[in-house]
Protein backbone atom coordinates (compact mmCIF):
# COMPACT_ATOMS: atom_id res chain seq x y z
CA MET A 1 -37.37 10.25 6.83
CA THR A 2 -34.18 12.25 7.38
CA PRO A 3 -30.86 10.54 8.07
CA ARG A 4 -29.70 10.83 11.64
CA GLU A 5 -26.30 12.04 12.69
CA PRO A 6 -24.08 9.20 13.89
CA ARG A 7 -24.03 9.10 17.66
CA VAL A 8 -20.58 9.86 19.05
CA PRO A 9 -19.91 8.26 22.45
CA SER A 10 -18.86 10.49 25.32
CA ALA A 11 -15.24 10.51 26.47
CA ASP A 12 -16.22 8.33 29.42
CA ALA A 13 -18.25 5.76 27.46
CA ALA A 14 -16.53 2.38 27.78
CA VAL A 15 -16.66 1.17 24.17
CA TYR A 16 -13.22 -0.18 23.15
CA VAL A 17 -12.26 -3.82 23.63
CA ILE A 18 -8.76 -4.48 24.94
CA SER A 19 -7.24 -5.19 21.50
CA VAL A 20 -8.49 -1.86 20.12
CA ALA A 21 -7.42 0.00 23.27
CA ALA A 22 -3.96 -1.56 22.99
CA GLU A 23 -3.66 -0.52 19.36
CA LEU A 24 -4.90 3.02 20.01
CA SER A 25 -2.57 3.49 22.97
CA GLY A 26 0.45 1.82 21.36
CA LEU A 27 0.75 -0.69 24.20
CA HIS A 28 0.51 -4.48 24.34
CA PRO A 29 -2.75 -5.92 25.72
CA GLN A 30 -0.79 -7.63 28.51
CA THR A 31 0.60 -4.22 29.53
CA LEU A 32 -2.97 -2.93 29.83
CA ARG A 33 -3.84 -5.89 32.06
CA SER A 34 -0.74 -5.20 34.18
CA TYR A 35 -1.65 -1.53 34.56
CA GLU A 36 -5.11 -2.58 35.67
CA ARG A 37 -3.67 -4.98 38.28
CA MET A 38 -1.46 -2.12 39.54
CA GLY A 39 -4.48 0.13 39.85
CA LEU A 40 -3.28 2.69 37.29
CA ILE A 41 -6.38 2.23 35.14
CA MET A 42 -9.84 0.83 35.77
CA PRO A 43 -11.65 -0.04 32.53
CA GLY A 44 -15.37 -0.68 32.49
CA ARG A 45 -16.66 -4.24 32.40
CA THR A 46 -19.36 -5.95 30.39
CA GLY A 47 -21.90 -8.24 32.00
CA GLY A 48 -19.67 -11.17 31.04
CA GLY A 49 -16.56 -9.55 32.59
CA GLY A 50 -14.88 -8.31 29.39
CA ARG A 51 -12.89 -5.10 29.63
CA ARG A 52 -14.16 -2.00 27.87
CA TYR A 53 -12.01 1.11 27.61
CA SER A 54 -13.20 4.69 27.12
CA HIS A 55 -11.52 7.46 25.15
CA ARG A 56 -10.43 8.95 28.48
CA ASP A 57 -8.85 5.57 29.39
CA ILE A 58 -6.95 5.59 26.06
CA GLU A 59 -5.62 9.10 26.80
CA LEU A 60 -4.54 7.96 30.27
CA LEU A 61 -2.77 4.94 28.79
CA ARG A 62 -0.94 7.22 26.34
CA GLU A 63 0.13 9.47 29.20
CA ILE A 64 1.38 6.48 31.21
CA ALA A 65 3.29 5.22 28.15
CA SER A 66 4.84 8.64 27.63
CA LEU A 67 5.96 8.86 31.25
CA THR A 68 7.40 5.35 31.39
CA SER A 69 9.21 5.78 28.07
CA GLY A 70 10.69 8.98 29.53
CA GLY A 71 12.21 6.99 32.38
CA VAL A 72 9.60 7.45 35.10
CA GLY A 73 9.01 4.31 37.17
CA ILE A 74 5.55 2.93 37.87
CA GLU A 75 5.43 4.39 41.40
CA GLY A 76 6.46 7.75 39.96
CA VAL A 77 3.69 7.44 37.38
CA ARG A 78 1.22 6.59 40.13
CA ARG A 79 2.28 9.67 42.12
CA ILE A 80 2.15 11.96 39.06
CA LEU A 81 -1.37 10.77 38.21
CA GLU A 82 -2.44 11.25 41.83
CA LEU A 83 -1.04 14.80 41.86
CA GLU A 84 -2.71 15.62 38.53
CA HIS A 85 -6.01 14.43 39.98
CA GLN A 86 -5.50 16.60 43.07
CA VAL A 87 -4.68 19.64 40.92
CA ALA A 88 -7.83 19.12 38.84
CA ALA A 89 -9.95 18.78 42.00
CA LEU A 90 -8.42 21.93 43.51
CA GLN A 91 -8.95 23.89 40.29
CA SER A 92 -12.58 22.82 40.26
CA ARG A 93 -13.02 23.81 43.91
CA ASN A 94 -11.30 27.14 43.23
CA GLU A 95 -13.81 27.88 40.45
CA GLU A 96 -16.70 26.99 42.79
CA LEU A 97 -15.32 29.35 45.42
CA ARG A 98 -14.83 32.15 42.88
CA ALA A 99 -18.47 31.78 41.79
CA GLU A 100 -19.61 31.77 45.42
CA LEU A 101 -17.54 34.87 46.15
CA ALA A 102 -18.98 36.67 43.11
CA ALA A 103 -22.51 35.77 44.25
CA THR A 104 -21.69 37.03 47.76
CA HIS A 105 -20.35 40.30 46.32
CA ASP A 106 -23.52 40.69 44.24
CA ALA A 107 -25.73 40.01 47.27
CA LEU A 108 -23.74 42.47 49.40
CA ARG A 109 -23.97 45.16 46.71
CA ALA A 110 -27.72 44.59 46.47
CA ALA A 111 -28.05 44.77 50.26
CA MET A 112 -25.99 47.94 50.37
CA SER A 113 -28.06 49.62 47.67
CA SER A 114 -31.34 48.69 49.37
CA VAL A 115 -30.05 49.94 52.73
CA THR A 116 -28.82 53.25 51.32
CA THR A 117 -32.10 53.87 49.45
CA ARG A 118 -34.14 53.43 52.64
CA ARG A 119 -31.96 55.62 54.83
CA THR A 120 -30.35 58.97 54.56
CA GLU A 121 -27.31 57.90 56.56
CA PRO A 122 -24.59 55.79 54.96
CA ALA A 123 -24.83 52.01 55.28
CA LYS A 124 -22.68 50.41 57.95
CA LEU A 125 -21.67 47.47 55.78
CA PRO A 126 -18.09 46.66 54.84
CA ALA A 127 -16.70 48.36 51.78
CA LEU A 128 -16.12 46.25 48.70
CA ARG A 129 -12.80 46.35 46.98
CA GLN A 130 -11.55 44.54 43.96
CA PRO A 131 -9.08 41.84 45.10
CA THR A 132 -5.47 42.40 44.15
CA PRO A 133 -3.15 39.57 43.10
CA GLY A 134 -1.69 37.90 46.14
CA SER A 135 -4.40 39.18 48.47
CA ALA A 136 -6.53 36.85 50.55
CA VAL A 137 -10.26 36.96 50.98
CA VAL A 138 -12.12 35.32 53.86
CA VAL A 139 -15.78 34.54 53.37
CA TRP A 140 -17.78 33.76 56.49
CA ARG A 141 -20.89 31.71 56.05
CA ARG A 142 -23.39 31.42 58.88
CA GLU A 143 -24.57 27.83 59.29
CA THR A 144 -28.31 27.44 59.76
CA GLY A 145 -30.41 24.60 61.05
CA ARG A 146 -28.20 23.57 63.97
């Protein structure tokens, strides 16, 4: 029998009790409870109601501690965290749109090559250009099934 590698929990696995989370974040357990009441953090719960913090929760607590020690008030912290979440969501959506645009370009190139191989006249499809910084691209998608 070969020894197994120790299983490392994911960053979102709620594994730390409040005392360990407080020690890892450098905060007092009561501060963690206060942040939870304020809605800044939402630790997981056990079946018996005990709090369990993930590695991601610990990182968030460290960020909150850094902001508050730098003079940012709790409402400012709340707004900063909200804006960071919005930025992350927009970056994710931007990547999705870039992938969709690349797929659309590929499909258009394929359509253009199949049209030009079947005809002797040039295809009457829009020309493709590489986007330049600061330019805008509009992608129209026809809805089906309505």
